């Protein structure tokens, strides 16, 4: 499972770089400043949590008996999809109700970090 999270984190990180470049070069002037800022926030949180997935892979090798790191990893993946994904869609469509989906992803991120900390605290 550690390899899976390392692969997902690496691919999500590469995608974040590509999306960031697209935002900086392809969307400037096409989106309002507010929507471009929304898009950039999605990219930033995707990159943070791509790196978090790499930490999950390391945690899984350190605390192999614990289910907490894997649960944290899946929450980070869900957070990227719901938080960043909803911000990307909001930026492209301007559909404001999509902003209501972002807190679901944010809650997944927060819960994932708590589970990762709990895994380290328990050390099992």
PDB file of N, CA and C in Angstrom:
ATOM      1  N   UNK A   1       0.826  -1.191   0.000  1.00  0.00           N
ATOM      2  CA  UNK A   1       0.000   0.000   0.000  1.00  0.00           C
ATOM      3  C   UNK A   1       0.871   1.257   0.000  1.00  0.00           C
ATOM      4  N   UNK A   2       2.073   1.159   0.602  1.00  0.00           N
ATOM      5  CA  UNK A   2       2.955   2.332   0.625  1.00  0.00           C
ATOM      6  C   UNK A   2       3.328   2.766  -0.787  1.00  0.00           C
ATOM      7  N   UNK A   3       3.567   1.803  -1.664  1.00  0.00           N
ATOM      8  CA  UNK A   3       3.891   2.151  -3.057  1.00  0.00           C
ATOM      9  C   UNK A   3       2.719   2.825  -3.755  1.00  0.00           C
ATOM     10  N   UNK A   4       1.515   2.361  -3.466  1.00  0.00           N
ATOM     11  CA  UNK A   4       0.328   2.948  -4.079  1.00  0.00           C
ATOM     12  C   UNK A   4       0.207   4.428  -3.707  1.00  0.00           C
ATOM     13  N   UNK A   5       0.361   4.741  -2.429  1.00  0.00           N
ATOM     14  CA  UNK A   5       0.257   6.139  -2.019  1.00  0.00           C
ATOM     15  C   UNK A   5       1.414   6.975  -2.558  1.00  0.00           C
ATOM     16  N   UNK A   6       2.589   6.367  -2.675  1.00  0.00           N
ATOM     17  CA  UNK A   6       3.718   7.094  -3.257  1.00  0.00           C
ATOM     18  C   UNK A   6       3.435   7.403  -4.732  1.00  0.00           C
ATOM     19  N   UNK A   7       2.870   6.450  -5.444  1.00  0.00           N
ATOM     20  CA  UNK A   7       2.535   6.649  -6.855  1.00  0.00           C
ATOM     21  C   UNK A   7       1.437   7.705  -7.002  1.00  0.00           C
ATOM     22  N   UNK A   8       0.370   7.574  -6.214  1.00  0.00           N
ATOM     23  CA  UNK A   8      -0.720   8.557  -6.287  1.00  0.00           C
ATOM     24  C   UNK A   8      -0.197   9.946  -5.954  1.00  0.00           C
ATOM     25  N   UNK A   9       0.596  10.061  -4.889  1.00  0.00           N
ATOM     26  CA  UNK A   9       1.149  11.358  -4.504  1.00  0.00           C
ATOM     27  C   UNK A   9       2.033  11.947  -5.589  1.00  0.00           C
ATOM     28  N   UNK A  10       2.840  11.107  -6.192  1.00  0.00           N
ATOM     29  CA  UNK A  10       3.724  11.586  -7.256  1.00  0.00           C
ATOM     30  C   UNK A  10       2.931  12.064  -8.467  1.00  0.00           C
ATOM     31  N   UNK A  11       1.933  11.283  -8.863  1.00  0.00           N
ATOM     32  CA  UNK A  11       1.119  11.669 -10.017  1.00  0.00           C
ATOM     33  C   UNK A  11       0.292  12.926  -9.731  1.00  0.00           C
ATOM     34  N   UNK A  12      -0.269  13.003  -8.531  1.00  0.00           N
ATOM     35  CA  UNK A  12      -1.037  14.199  -8.158  1.00  0.00           C
ATOM     36  C   UNK A  12      -0.132  15.428  -8.086  1.00  0.00           C
ATOM     37  N   UNK A  13       1.093  15.245  -7.618  1.00  0.00           N
ATOM     38  CA  UNK A  13       2.043  16.359  -7.572  1.00  0.00           C
ATOM     39  C   UNK A  13       2.405  16.832  -8.973  1.00  0.00           C
ATOM     40  N   UNK A  14       2.659  15.893  -9.866  1.00  0.00           N
ATOM     41  CA  UNK A  14       2.960  16.258 -11.253  1.00  0.00           C
ATOM     42  C   UNK A  14       1.776  16.962 -11.907  1.00  0.00           C
ATOM     43  N   UNK A  15       0.569  16.468 -11.626  1.00  0.00           N
ATOM     44  CA  UNK A  15      -0.625  17.109 -12.164  1.00  0.00           C
ATOM     45  C   UNK A  15      -0.783  18.525 -11.600  1.00  0.00           C
ATOM     46  N   UNK A  16      -0.444  18.709 -10.318  1.00  0.00           N
ATOM     47  CA  UNK A  16      -0.522  20.050  -9.717  1.00  0.00           C
ATOM     48  C   UNK A  16       0.430  21.016 -10.412  1.00  0.00           C
ATOM     49  N   UNK A  17       1.625  20.547 -10.741  1.00  0.00           N
ATOM     50  CA  UNK A  17       2.580  21.398 -11.460  1.00  0.00           C
ATOM     51  C   UNK A  17       2.020  21.760 -12.834  1.00  0.00           C
ATOM     52  N   UNK A  18       1.478  20.774 -13.541  1.00  0.00           N
ATOM     53  CA  UNK A  18       0.908  21.039 -14.868  1.00  0.00           C
ATOM     54  C   UNK A  18      -0.274  22.005 -14.785  1.00  0.00           C
ATOM     55  N   UNK A  19      -1.143  21.800 -13.808  1.00  0.00           N
ATOM     56  CA  UNK A  19      -2.287  22.702 -13.645  1.00  0.00           C
ATOM     57  C   UNK A  19      -1.836  24.104 -13.254  1.00  0.00           C
ATOM     58  N   UNK A  20      -0.812  24.188 -12.404  1.00  0.00           N
ATOM     59  CA  UNK A  20      -0.287  25.491 -12.030  1.00  0.00           C
ATOM     60  C   UNK A  20       0.278  26.236 -13.223  1.00  0.00           C
ATOM     61  N   UNK A  21       1.004  25.523 -14.072  1.00  0.00           N
ATOM     62  CA  UNK A  21       1.545  26.147 -15.282  1.00  0.00           C
ATOM     63  C   UNK A  21       0.417  26.561 -16.223  1.00  0.00           C
ATOM     64  N   UNK A  22      -0.581  25.704 -16.345  1.00  0.00           N
ATOM     65  CA  UNK A  22      -1.736  26.036 -17.182  1.00  0.00           C
ATOM     66  C   UNK A  22      -2.440  27.284 -16.649  1.00  0.00           C
ATOM     67  N   UNK A  23      -2.598  27.354 -15.343  1.00  0.00           N
ATOM     68  CA  UNK A  23      -3.238  28.519 -14.742  1.00  0.00           C
ATOM     69  C   UNK A  23      -2.451  29.789 -14.969  1.00  0.00           C
ATOM     70  N   UNK A  24      -1.130  29.688 -14.823  1.00  0.00           N
ATOM     71  CA  UNK A  24      -0.277  30.872 -14.963  1.00  0.00           C
ATOM     72  C   UNK A  24      -0.171  31.343 -16.408  1.00  0.00           C
ATOM     73  N   UNK A  25      -0.176  30.402 -17.342  1.00  0.00           N
ATOM     74  CA  UNK A  25       0.066  30.774 -18.741  1.00  0.00           C
ATOM     75  C   UNK A  25      -1.173  30.699 -19.626  1.00  0.00           C
ATOM     76  N   UNK A  26      -2.094  29.800 -19.293  1.00  0.00           N
ATOM     77  CA  UNK A  26      -3.242  29.605 -20.161  1.00  0.00           C
ATOM     78  C   UNK A  26      -4.520  30.269 -19.698  1.00  0.00           C
ATOM     79  N   UNK A  27      -4.597  30.562 -18.418  1.00  0.00           N
ATOM     80  CA  UNK A  27      -5.850  31.113 -17.902  1.00  0.00           C
ATOM     81  C   UNK A  27      -5.788  32.603 -17.605  1.00  0.00           C
ATOM     82  N   UNK A  28      -4.575  33.144 -17.530  1.00  0.00           N
ATOM     83  CA  UNK A  28      -4.453  34.571 -17.253  1.00  0.00           C
ATOM     84  C   UNK A  28      -5.098  35.363 -18.385  1.00  0.00           C
ATOM     85  N   UNK A  29      -5.978  36.271 -18.017  1.00  0.00           N
ATOM     86  CA  UNK A  29      -6.699  37.045 -19.005  1.00  0.00           C
ATOM     87  C   UNK A  29      -7.987  36.387 -19.471  1.00  0.00           C
ATOM     88  N   UNK A  30      -8.133  35.100 -19.200  1.00  0.00           N
ATOM     89  CA  UNK A  30      -9.349  34.385 -19.582  1.00  0.00           C
ATOM     90  C   UNK A  30     -10.311  34.252 -18.412  1.00  0.00           C
ATOM     91  N   UNK A  31      -9.750  34.270 -17.201  1.00  0.00           N
ATOM     92  CA  UNK A  31     -10.564  34.202 -15.999  1.00  0.00           C
ATOM     93  C   UNK A  31     -10.429  35.513 -15.245  1.00  0.00           C
ATOM     94  N   UNK A  32     -11.450  35.854 -14.486  1.00  0.00           N
ATOM     95  CA  UNK A  32     -11.349  37.028 -13.623  1.00  0.00           C
ATOM     96  C   UNK A  32     -10.278  36.754 -12.564  1.00  0.00           C
ATOM     97  N   UNK A  33      -9.796  37.803 -11.936  1.00  0.00           N
ATOM     98  CA  UNK A  33      -8.776  37.648 -10.891  1.00  0.00           C
ATOM     99  C   UNK A  33      -9.289  36.762  -9.759  1.00  0.00           C
ATOM    100  N   UNK A  34     -10.557  36.916  -9.398  1.00  0.00           N
ATOM    101  CA  UNK A  34     -11.136  36.099  -8.326  1.00  0.00           C
ATOM    102  C   UNK A  34     -11.146  34.621  -8.695  1.00  0.00           C
ATOM    103  N   UNK A  35     -11.585  34.316  -9.910  1.00  0.00           N
ATOM    104  CA  UNK A  35     -11.638  32.914 -10.327  1.00  0.00           C
ATOM    105  C   UNK A  35     -10.247  32.336 -10.528  1.00  0.00           C
ATOM    106  N   UNK A  36      -9.309  33.135 -11.005  1.00  0.00           N
ATOM    107  CA  UNK A  36      -7.929  32.669 -11.141  1.00  0.00           C
ATOM    108  C   UNK A  36      -7.338  32.384  -9.766  1.00  0.00           C
ATOM    109  N   UNK A  37      -7.631  33.229  -8.798  1.00  0.00           N
ATOM    110  CA  UNK A  37      -7.175  33.003  -7.428  1.00  0.00           C
ATOM    111  C   UNK A  37      -7.781  31.723  -6.851  1.00  0.00           C
ATOM    112  N   UNK A  38      -9.035  31.473  -7.160  1.00  0.00           N
ATOM    113  CA  UNK A  38      -9.700  30.239  -6.723  1.00  0.00           C
ATOM    114  C   UNK A  38      -9.004  29.024  -7.319  1.00  0.00           C
ATOM    115  N   UNK A  39      -8.699  29.092  -8.608  1.00  0.00           N
ATOM    116  CA  UNK A  39      -7.994  28.002  -9.288  1.00  0.00           C
ATOM    117  C   UNK A  39      -6.630  27.768  -8.633  1.00  0.00           C
ATOM    118  N   UNK A  40      -5.901  28.838  -8.366  1.00  0.00           N
ATOM    119  CA  UNK A  40      -4.574  28.728  -7.754  1.00  0.00           C
ATOM    120  C   UNK A  40      -4.640  28.129  -6.358  1.00  0.00           C
ATOM    121  N   UNK A  41      -5.694  28.431  -5.613  1.00  0.00           N
ATOM    122  CA  UNK A  41      -5.869  27.828  -4.290  1.00  0.00           C
ATOM    123  C   UNK A  41      -6.046  26.322  -4.425  1.00  0.00           C
ATOM    124  N   UNK A  42      -6.822  25.895  -5.408  1.00  0.00           N
ATOM    125  CA  UNK A  42      -6.975  24.461  -5.650  1.00  0.00           C
ATOM    126  C   UNK A  42      -5.656  23.786  -5.970  1.00  0.00           C
ATOM    127  N   UNK A  43      -4.854  24.426  -6.809  1.00  0.00           N
ATOM    128  CA  UNK A  43      -3.541  23.872  -7.165  1.00  0.00           C
ATOM    129  C   UNK A  43      -2.645  23.788  -5.936  1.00  0.00           C
ATOM    130  N   UNK A  44      -2.629  24.839  -5.138  1.00  0.00           N
ATOM    131  CA  UNK A  44      -1.772  24.884  -3.947  1.00  0.00           C
ATOM    132  C   UNK A  44      -2.125  23.751  -2.976  1.00  0.00           C
ATOM    133  N   UNK A  45      -3.411  23.575  -2.700  1.00  0.00           N
ATOM    134  CA  UNK A  45      -3.817  22.515  -1.778  1.00  0.00           C
ATOM    135  C   UNK A  45      -3.609  21.132  -2.372  1.00  0.00           C
ATOM    136  N   UNK A  46      -3.725  21.008  -3.684  1.00  0.00           N
ATOM    137  CA  UNK A  46      -3.420  19.728  -4.312  1.00  0.00           C
ATOM    138  C   UNK A  46      -1.943  19.397  -4.120  1.00  0.00           C
ATOM    139  N   UNK A  47      -1.074  20.381  -4.301  1.00  0.00           N
ATOM    140  CA  UNK A  47       0.356  20.118  -4.133  1.00  0.00           C
ATOM    141  C   UNK A  47       0.687  19.781  -2.681  1.00  0.00           C
ATOM    142  N   UNK A  48       0.147  20.543  -1.734  1.00  0.00           N
ATOM    143  CA  UNK A  48       0.399  20.242  -0.316  1.00  0.00           C
ATOM    144  C   UNK A  48       0.029  18.798   0.005  1.00  0.00           C
ATOM    145  N   UNK A  49      -1.117  18.381  -0.495  1.00  0.00           N
ATOM    146  CA  UNK A  49      -1.598  17.058  -0.121  1.00  0.00           C
ATOM    147  C   UNK A  49      -1.026  15.952  -0.996  1.00  0.00           C
ATOM    148  N   UNK A  50      -0.449  16.306  -2.123  1.00  0.00           N
ATOM    149  CA  UNK A  50       0.360  15.337  -2.875  1.00  0.00           C
ATOM    150  C   UNK A  50       1.598  14.990  -2.057  1.00  0.00           C
ATOM    151  N   UNK A  51       2.203  16.010  -1.469  1.00  0.00           N
ATOM    152  CA  UNK A  51       3.356  15.771  -0.592  1.00  0.00           C
ATOM    153  C   UNK A  51       2.936  14.997   0.657  1.00  0.00           C
ATOM    154  N   UNK A  52       1.748  15.295   1.166  1.00  0.00           N
ATOM    155  CA  UNK A  52       1.239  14.553   2.320  1.00  0.00           C
ATOM    156  C   UNK A  52       1.082  13.070   1.982  1.00  0.00           C
ATOM    157  N   UNK A  53       0.697  12.768   0.752  1.00  0.00           N
ATOM    158  CA  UNK A  53       0.577  11.365   0.346  1.00  0.00           C
ATOM    159  C   UNK A  53       1.940  10.663   0.347  1.00  0.00           C
ATOM    160  N   UNK A  54       2.992  11.398   0.043  1.00  0.00           N
ATOM    161  CA  UNK A  54       4.338  10.819   0.132  1.00  0.00           C
ATOM    162  C   UNK A  54       4.675  10.527   1.597  1.00  0.00           C
ATOM    163  N   UNK A  55       4.254  11.420   2.492  1.00  0.00           N
ATOM    164  CA  UNK A  55       4.449  11.180   3.930  1.00  0.00           C
ATOM    165  C   UNK A  55       3.659   9.964   4.392  1.00  0.00           C
ATOM    166  N   UNK A  56       2.480   9.795   3.852  1.00  0.00           N
ATOM    167  CA  UNK A  56       1.671   8.618   4.174  1.00  0.00           C
ATOM    168  C   UNK A  56       2.412   7.353   3.763  1.00  0.00           C
ATOM    169  N   UNK A  57       3.016   7.361   2.591  1.00  0.00           N
ATOM    170  CA  UNK A  57       3.772   6.187   2.131  1.00  0.00           C
ATOM    171  C   UNK A  57       4.896   5.860   3.111  1.00  0.00           C
ATOM    172  N   UNK A  58       5.579   6.886   3.586  1.00  0.00           N
ATOM    173  CA  UNK A  58       6.651   6.674   4.574  1.00  0.00           C
ATOM    174  C   UNK A  58       6.066   6.168   5.886  1.00  0.00           C
ATOM    175  N   UNK A  59       4.961   6.765   6.322  1.00  0.00           N
ATOM    176  CA  UNK A  59       4.318   6.347   7.574  1.00  0.00           C
ATOM    177  C   UNK A  59       3.882   4.886   7.511  1.00  0.00           C
ATOM    178  N   UNK A  60       3.426   4.458   6.353  1.00  0.00           N
ATOM    179  CA  UNK A  60       3.004   3.062   6.211  1.00  0.00           C
ATOM    180  C   UNK A  60       4.166   2.090   6.378  1.00  0.00           C
ATOM    181  N   UNK A  61       5.362   2.496   6.006  1.00  0.00           N
ATOM    182  CA  UNK A  61       6.515   1.616   6.210  1.00  0.00           C
ATOM    183  C   UNK A  61       6.969   1.640   7.666  1.00  0.00           C
ATOM    184  N   UNK A  62       6.729   2.748   8.326  1.00  0.00           N
ATOM    185  CA  UNK A  62       7.159   2.906   9.733  1.00  0.00           C
ATOM    186  C   UNK A  62       6.177   2.258  10.703  1.00  0.00           C
ATOM    187  N   UNK A  63       4.888   2.442  10.448  1.00  0.00           N
ATOM    188  CA  UNK A  63       3.849   1.906  11.335  1.00  0.00           C
ATOM    189  C   UNK A  63       2.956   0.966  10.536  1.00  0.00           C
ATOM    190  N   UNK A  64       3.550  -0.113  10.070  1.00  0.00           N
ATOM    191  CA  UNK A  64       2.878  -1.034   9.146  1.00  0.00           C
ATOM    192  C   UNK A  64       1.648  -1.703   9.763  1.00  0.00           C
ATOM    193  N   UNK A  65       1.612  -1.847  11.076  1.00  0.00           N
ATOM    194  CA  UNK A  65       0.486  -2.521  11.725  1.00  0.00           C
ATOM    195  C   UNK A  65      -0.738  -1.621  11.871  1.00  0.00           C
ATOM    196  N   UNK A  66      -0.547  -0.325  11.741  1.00  0.00           N
ATOM    197  CA  UNK A  66      -1.638   0.628  11.935  1.00  0.00           C
ATOM    198  C   UNK A  66      -2.409   0.860  10.645  1.00  0.00           C
ATOM    199  N   UNK A  67      -3.713   0.984  10.773  1.00  0.00           N
ATOM    200  CA  UNK A  67      -4.558   1.312   9.625  1.00  0.00           C
ATOM    201  C   UNK A  67      -4.697   2.822   9.453  1.00  0.00           C
ATOM    202  N   UNK A  68      -4.236   3.573  10.442  1.00  0.00           N
ATOM    203  CA  UNK A  68      -4.434   5.014  10.425  1.00  0.00           C
ATOM    204  C   UNK A  68      -3.742   5.723   9.263  1.00  0.00           C
ATOM    205  N   UNK A  69      -2.487   5.395   8.941  1.00  0.00           N
ATOM    206  CA  UNK A  69      -1.865   6.091   7.810  1.00  0.00           C
ATOM    207  C   UNK A  69      -2.609   5.877   6.489  1.00  0.00           C
ATOM    208  N   UNK A  70      -3.071   4.665   6.239  1.00  0.00           N
ATOM    209  CA  UNK A  70      -3.812   4.406   4.999  1.00  0.00           C
ATOM    210  C   UNK A  70      -5.126   5.179   4.991  1.00  0.00           C
ATOM    211  N   UNK A  71      -5.808   5.218   6.130  1.00  0.00           N
ATOM    212  CA  UNK A  71      -7.053   5.987   6.210  1.00  0.00           C
ATOM    213  C   UNK A  71      -6.762   7.462   5.937  1.00  0.00           C
ATOM    214  N   UNK A  72      -5.664   7.974   6.506  1.00  0.00           N
ATOM    215  CA  UNK A  72      -5.271   9.366   6.249  1.00  0.00           C
ATOM    216  C   UNK A  72      -5.012   9.581   4.766  1.00  0.00           C
ATOM    217  N   UNK A  73      -4.336   8.640   4.139  1.00  0.00           N
ATOM    218  CA  UNK A  73      -4.037   8.750   2.712  1.00  0.00           C
ATOM    219  C   UNK A  73      -5.298   8.839   1.865  1.00  0.00           C
ATOM    220  N   UNK A  74      -6.271   7.967   2.157  1.00  0.00           N
ATOM    221  CA  UNK A  74      -7.510   8.002   1.376  1.00  0.00           C
ATOM    222  C   UNK A  74      -8.280   9.294   1.632  1.00  0.00           C
ATOM    223  N   UNK A  75      -8.181   9.819   2.845  1.00  0.00           N
ATOM    224  CA  UNK A  75      -8.814  11.112   3.117  1.00  0.00           C
ATOM    225  C   UNK A  75      -8.124  12.235   2.351  1.00  0.00           C
ATOM    226  N   UNK A  76      -6.804  12.165   2.225  1.00  0.00           N
ATOM    227  CA  UNK A  76      -6.094  13.171   1.428  1.00  0.00           C
ATOM    228  C   UNK A  76      -6.505  13.093  -0.046  1.00  0.00           C
ATOM    229  N   UNK A  77      -6.645  11.878  -0.558  1.00  0.00           N
ATOM    230  CA  UNK A  77      -7.095  11.717  -1.950  1.00  0.00           C
ATOM    231  C   UNK A  77      -8.499  12.299  -2.109  1.00  0.00           C
ATOM    232  N   UNK A  78      -9.391  11.959  -1.175  1.00  0.00           N
ATOM    233  CA  UNK A  78     -10.755  12.497  -1.228  1.00  0.00           C
ATOM    234  C   UNK A  78     -10.740  14.019  -1.115  1.00  0.00           C
ATOM    235  N   UNK A  79      -9.877  14.537  -0.248  1.00  0.00           N
ATOM    236  CA  UNK A  79      -9.778  15.981  -0.093  1.00  0.00           C
ATOM    237  C   UNK A  79      -9.341  16.670  -1.371  1.00  0.00           C
ATOM    238  N   UNK A  80      -8.364  16.076  -2.051  1.00  0.00           N
ATOM    239  CA  UNK A  80      -7.917  16.647  -3.330  1.00  0.00           C
ATOM    240  C   UNK A  80      -9.072  16.662  -4.322  1.00  0.00           C
ATOM    241  N   UNK A  81      -9.793  15.550  -4.407  1.00  0.00           N
ATOM    242  CA  UNK A  81     -10.890  15.462  -5.364  1.00  0.00           C
ATOM    243  C   UNK A  81     -12.007  16.455  -5.040  1.00  0.00           C
ATOM    244  N   UNK A  82     -12.403  16.509  -3.770  1.00  0.00           N
ATOM    245  CA  UNK A  82     -13.525  17.373  -3.393  1.00  0.00           C
ATOM    246  C   UNK A  82     -13.119  18.833  -3.256  1.00  0.00           C
ATOM    247  N   UNK A  83     -12.004  19.112  -2.574  1.00  0.00           N
ATOM    248  CA  UNK A  83     -11.612  20.499  -2.351  1.00  0.00           C
ATOM    249  C   UNK A  83     -11.059  21.107  -3.634  1.00  0.00           C
ATOM    250  N   UNK A  84      -9.945  20.558  -4.097  1.00  0.00           N
ATOM    251  CA  UNK A  84      -9.328  21.121  -5.295  1.00  0.00           C
ATOM    252  C   UNK A  84     -10.231  20.960  -6.506  1.00  0.00           C
ATOM    253  N   UNK A  85     -10.834  19.797  -6.647  1.00  0.00           N
ATOM    254  CA  UNK A  85     -11.707  19.559  -7.791  1.00  0.00           C
ATOM    255  C   UNK A  85     -12.862  20.536  -7.859  1.00  0.00           C
ATOM    256  N   UNK A  86     -13.482  20.811  -6.720  1.00  0.00           N
ATOM    257  CA  UNK A  86     -14.598  21.763  -6.737  1.00  0.00           C
ATOM    258  C   UNK A  86     -14.122  23.175  -7.056  1.00  0.00           C
ATOM    259  N   UNK A  87     -12.914  23.527  -6.594  1.00  0.00           N
ATOM    260  CA  UNK A  87     -12.389  24.857  -6.919  1.00  0.00           C
ATOM    261  C   UNK A  87     -12.043  24.971  -8.403  1.00  0.00           C
ATOM    262  N   UNK A  88     -11.520  23.901  -8.991  1.00  0.00           N
ATOM    263  CA  UNK A  88     -11.241  23.918 -10.429  1.00  0.00           C
ATOM    264  C   UNK A  88     -12.544  24.099 -11.217  1.00  0.00           C
ATOM    265  N   UNK A  89     -13.551  23.329 -10.850  1.00  0.00           N
ATOM    266  CA  UNK A  89     -14.834  23.441 -11.544  1.00  0.00           C
ATOM    267  C   UNK A  89     -15.465  24.812 -11.342  1.00  0.00           C
ATOM    268  N   UNK A  90     -15.363  25.339 -10.146  1.00  0.00           N
ATOM    269  CA  UNK A  90     -15.879  26.683  -9.865  1.00  0.00           C
ATOM    270  C   UNK A  90     -15.182  27.719 -10.738  1.00  0.00           C
ATOM    271  N   UNK A  91     -13.853  27.598 -10.848  1.00  0.00           N
ATOM    272  CA  UNK A  91     -13.096  28.556 -11.658  1.00  0.00           C
ATOM    273  C   UNK A  91     -13.495  28.476 -13.128  1.00  0.00           C
ATOM    274  N   UNK A  92     -13.710  27.270 -13.638  1.00  0.00           N
ATOM    275  CA  UNK A  92     -14.032  27.109 -15.057  1.00  0.00           C
ATOM    276  C   UNK A  92     -15.479  27.436 -15.388  1.00  0.00           C
ATOM    277  N   UNK A  93     -16.384  27.156 -14.448  1.00  0.00           N
ATOM    278  CA  UNK A  93     -17.801  27.330 -14.764  1.00  0.00           C
ATOM    279  C   UNK A  93     -18.411  28.575 -14.135  1.00  0.00           C
ATOM    280  N   UNK A  94     -17.805  29.057 -13.061  1.00  0.00           N
ATOM    281  CA  UNK A  94     -18.380  30.185 -12.336  1.00  0.00           C
ATOM    282  C   UNK A  94     -19.620  29.813 -11.549  1.00  0.00           C
ATOM    283  N   UNK A  95     -19.912  28.526 -11.465  1.00  0.00           N
ATOM    284  CA  UNK A  95     -21.088  28.032 -10.745  1.00  0.00           C
ATOM    285  C   UNK A  95     -20.817  28.093  -9.247  1.00  0.00           C
ATOM    286  N   UNK A  96     -21.448  29.031  -8.587  1.00  0.00           N
ATOM    287  CA  UNK A  96     -21.095  29.328  -7.197  1.00  0.00           C
ATOM    288  C   UNK A  96     -21.448  28.215  -6.218  1.00  0.00           C
ATOM    289  N   UNK A  97     -22.452  27.395  -6.492  1.00  0.00           N
ATOM    290  CA  UNK A  97     -22.817  26.348  -5.540  1.00  0.00           C
ATOM    291  C   UNK A  97     -21.696  25.325  -5.362  1.00  0.00           C
ATOM    292  N   UNK A  98     -20.767  25.253  -6.318  1.00  0.00           N
ATOM    293  CA  UNK A  98     -19.641  24.328  -6.189  1.00  0.00           C
ATOM    294  C   UNK A  98     -18.754  24.689  -4.997  1.00  0.00           C
ATOM    295  N   UNK A  99     -18.786  25.953  -4.606  1.00  0.00           N
ATOM    296  CA  UNK A  99     -18.034  26.366  -3.426  1.00  0.00           C
ATOM    297  C   UNK A  99     -18.496  25.661  -2.166  1.00  0.00           C
ATOM    298  N   UNK A 100     -19.735  25.179  -2.164  1.00  0.00           N
ATOM    299  CA  UNK A 100     -20.259  24.451  -1.007  1.00  0.00           C
ATOM    300  C   UNK A 100     -19.672  23.052  -0.888  1.00  0.00           C
ATOM    301  N   UNK A 101     -19.063  22.542  -1.943  1.00  0.00           N
ATOM    302  CA  UNK A 101     -18.451  21.210  -1.920  1.00  0.00           C
ATOM    303  C   UNK A 101     -17.059  21.268  -1.277  1.00  0.00           C
ATOM    304  N   UNK A 102     -16.393  22.391  -1.413  1.00  0.00           N
ATOM    305  CA  UNK A 102     -15.020  22.532  -0.911  1.00  0.00           C
ATOM    306  C   UNK A 102     -14.878  22.187   0.576  1.00  0.00           C
ATOM    307  N   UNK A 103     -15.801  22.578   1.447  1.00  0.00           N
ATOM    308  CA  UNK A 103     -15.638  22.225   2.863  1.00  0.00           C
ATOM    309  C   UNK A 103     -15.621  20.721   3.140  1.00  0.00           C
ATOM    310  N   UNK A 104     -16.261  19.938   2.283  1.00  0.00           N
ATOM    311  CA  UNK A 104     -16.201  18.477   2.434  1.00  0.00           C
ATOM    312  C   UNK A 104     -14.756  18.024   2.262  1.00  0.00           C
ATOM    313  N   UNK A 105     -14.103  18.549   1.216  1.00  0.00           N
ATOM    314  CA  UNK A 105     -12.691  18.229   1.001  1.00  0.00           C
ATOM    315  C   UNK A 105     -11.813  18.765   2.114  1.00  0.00           C
ATOM    316  N   UNK A 106     -12.121  19.963   2.591  1.00  0.00           N
ATOM    317  CA  UNK A 106     -11.358  20.536   3.703  1.00  0.00           C
ATOM    318  C   UNK A 106     -11.466  19.685   4.950  1.00  0.00           C
ATOM    319  N   UNK A 107     -12.666  19.191   5.239  1.00  0.00           N
ATOM    320  CA  UNK A 107     -12.852  18.307   6.395  1.00  0.00           C
ATOM    321  C   UNK A 107     -12.064  17.009   6.218  1.00  0.00           C
ATOM    322  N   UNK A 108     -12.016  16.502   4.984  1.00  0.00           N
ATOM    323  CA  UNK A 108     -11.220  15.293   4.713  1.00  0.00           C
ATOM    324  C   UNK A 108      -9.741  15.565   4.954  1.00  0.00           C
ATOM    325  N   UNK A 109      -9.256  16.728   4.505  1.00  0.00           N
ATOM    326  CA  UNK A 109      -7.856  17.087   4.753  1.00  0.00           C
ATOM    327  C   UNK A 109      -7.568  17.126   6.251  1.00  0.00           C
ATOM    328  N   UNK A 110      -8.388  17.836   6.999  1.00  0.00           N
ATOM    329  CA  UNK A 110      -8.170  17.991   8.439  1.00  0.00           C
ATOM    330  C   UNK A 110      -8.193  16.640   9.139  1.00  0.00           C
ATOM    331  N   UNK A 111      -9.173  15.815   8.804  1.00  0.00           N
ATOM    332  CA  UNK A 111      -9.273  14.493   9.423  1.00  0.00           C
ATOM    333  C   UNK A 111      -8.058  13.635   9.068  1.00  0.00           C
ATOM    334  N   UNK A 112      -7.604  13.727   7.828  1.00  0.00           N
ATOM    335  CA  UNK A 112      -6.405  12.981   7.430  1.00  0.00           C
ATOM    336  C   UNK A 112      -5.188  13.377   8.241  1.00  0.00           C
ATOM    337  N   UNK A 113      -4.993  14.667   8.457  1.00  0.00           N
ATOM    338  CA  UNK A 113      -3.859  15.131   9.266  1.00  0.00           C
ATOM    339  C   UNK A 113      -3.979  14.643  10.702  1.00  0.00           C
ATOM    340  N   UNK A 114      -5.186  14.648  11.251  1.00  0.00           N
ATOM    341  CA  UNK A 114      -5.385  14.159  12.617  1.00  0.00           C
ATOM    342  C   UNK A 114      -5.058  12.680  12.704  1.00  0.00           C
ATOM    343  N   UNK A 115      -5.504  11.897  11.733  1.00  0.00           N
ATOM    344  CA  UNK A 115      -5.214  10.467  11.734  1.00  0.00           C
ATOM    345  C   UNK A 115      -3.721  10.192  11.584  1.00  0.00           C
ATOM    346  N   UNK A 116      -3.050  10.979  10.777  1.00  0.00           N
ATOM    347  CA  UNK A 116      -1.605  10.816  10.613  1.00  0.00           C
ATOM    348  C   UNK A 116      -0.888  11.114  11.929  1.00  0.00           C
ATOM    349  N   UNK A 117      -1.316  12.180  12.600  1.00  0.00           N
ATOM    350  CA  UNK A 117      -0.734  12.504  13.907  1.00  0.00           C
ATOM    351  C   UNK A 117      -1.018  11.417  14.926  1.00  0.00           C
ATOM    352  N   UNK A 118      -2.224  10.870  14.903  1.00  0.00           N
ATOM    353  CA  UNK A 118      -2.592   9.808  15.824  1.00  0.00           C
ATOM    354  C   UNK A 118      -1.751   8.552  15.578  1.00  0.00           C
ATOM    355  N   UNK A 119      -1.486   8.254  14.324  1.00  0.00           N
ATOM    356  CA  UNK A 119      -0.636   7.095  13.993  1.00  0.00           C
ATOM    357  C   UNK A 119       0.759   7.292  14.581  1.00  0.00           C
ATOM    358  N   UNK A 120       1.296   8.483  14.471  1.00  0.00           N
ATOM    359  CA  UNK A 120       2.625   8.766  15.030  1.00  0.00           C
ATOM    360  C   UNK A 120       2.583   8.707  16.554  1.00  0.00           C
ATOM    361  N   UNK A 121       1.516   9.237  17.136  1.00  0.00           N
ATOM    362  CA  UNK A 121       1.376   9.248  18.596  1.00  0.00           C
ATOM    363  C   UNK A 121       1.366   7.830  19.150  1.00  0.00           C
ATOM    364  N   UNK A 122       0.580   6.973  18.496  1.00  0.00           N
ATOM    365  CA  UNK A 122       0.483   5.595  18.937  1.00  0.00           C
ATOM    366  C   UNK A 122       1.736   4.788  18.616  1.00  0.00           C
ATOM    367  N   UNK A 123       2.332   5.113  17.477  1.00  0.00           N
ATOM    368  CA  UNK A 123       3.558   4.448  17.082  1.00  0.00           C
ATOM    369  C   UNK A 123       3.418   2.962  16.811  1.00  0.00           C
ATOM    370  N   UNK A 124       2.233   2.538  16.398  1.00  0.00           N
ATOM    371  CA  UNK A 124       2.065   1.098  16.130  1.00  0.00           C
ATOM    372  C   UNK A 124       1.664   0.860  14.715  1.00  0.00           C
TER     373      UNK A 124
END
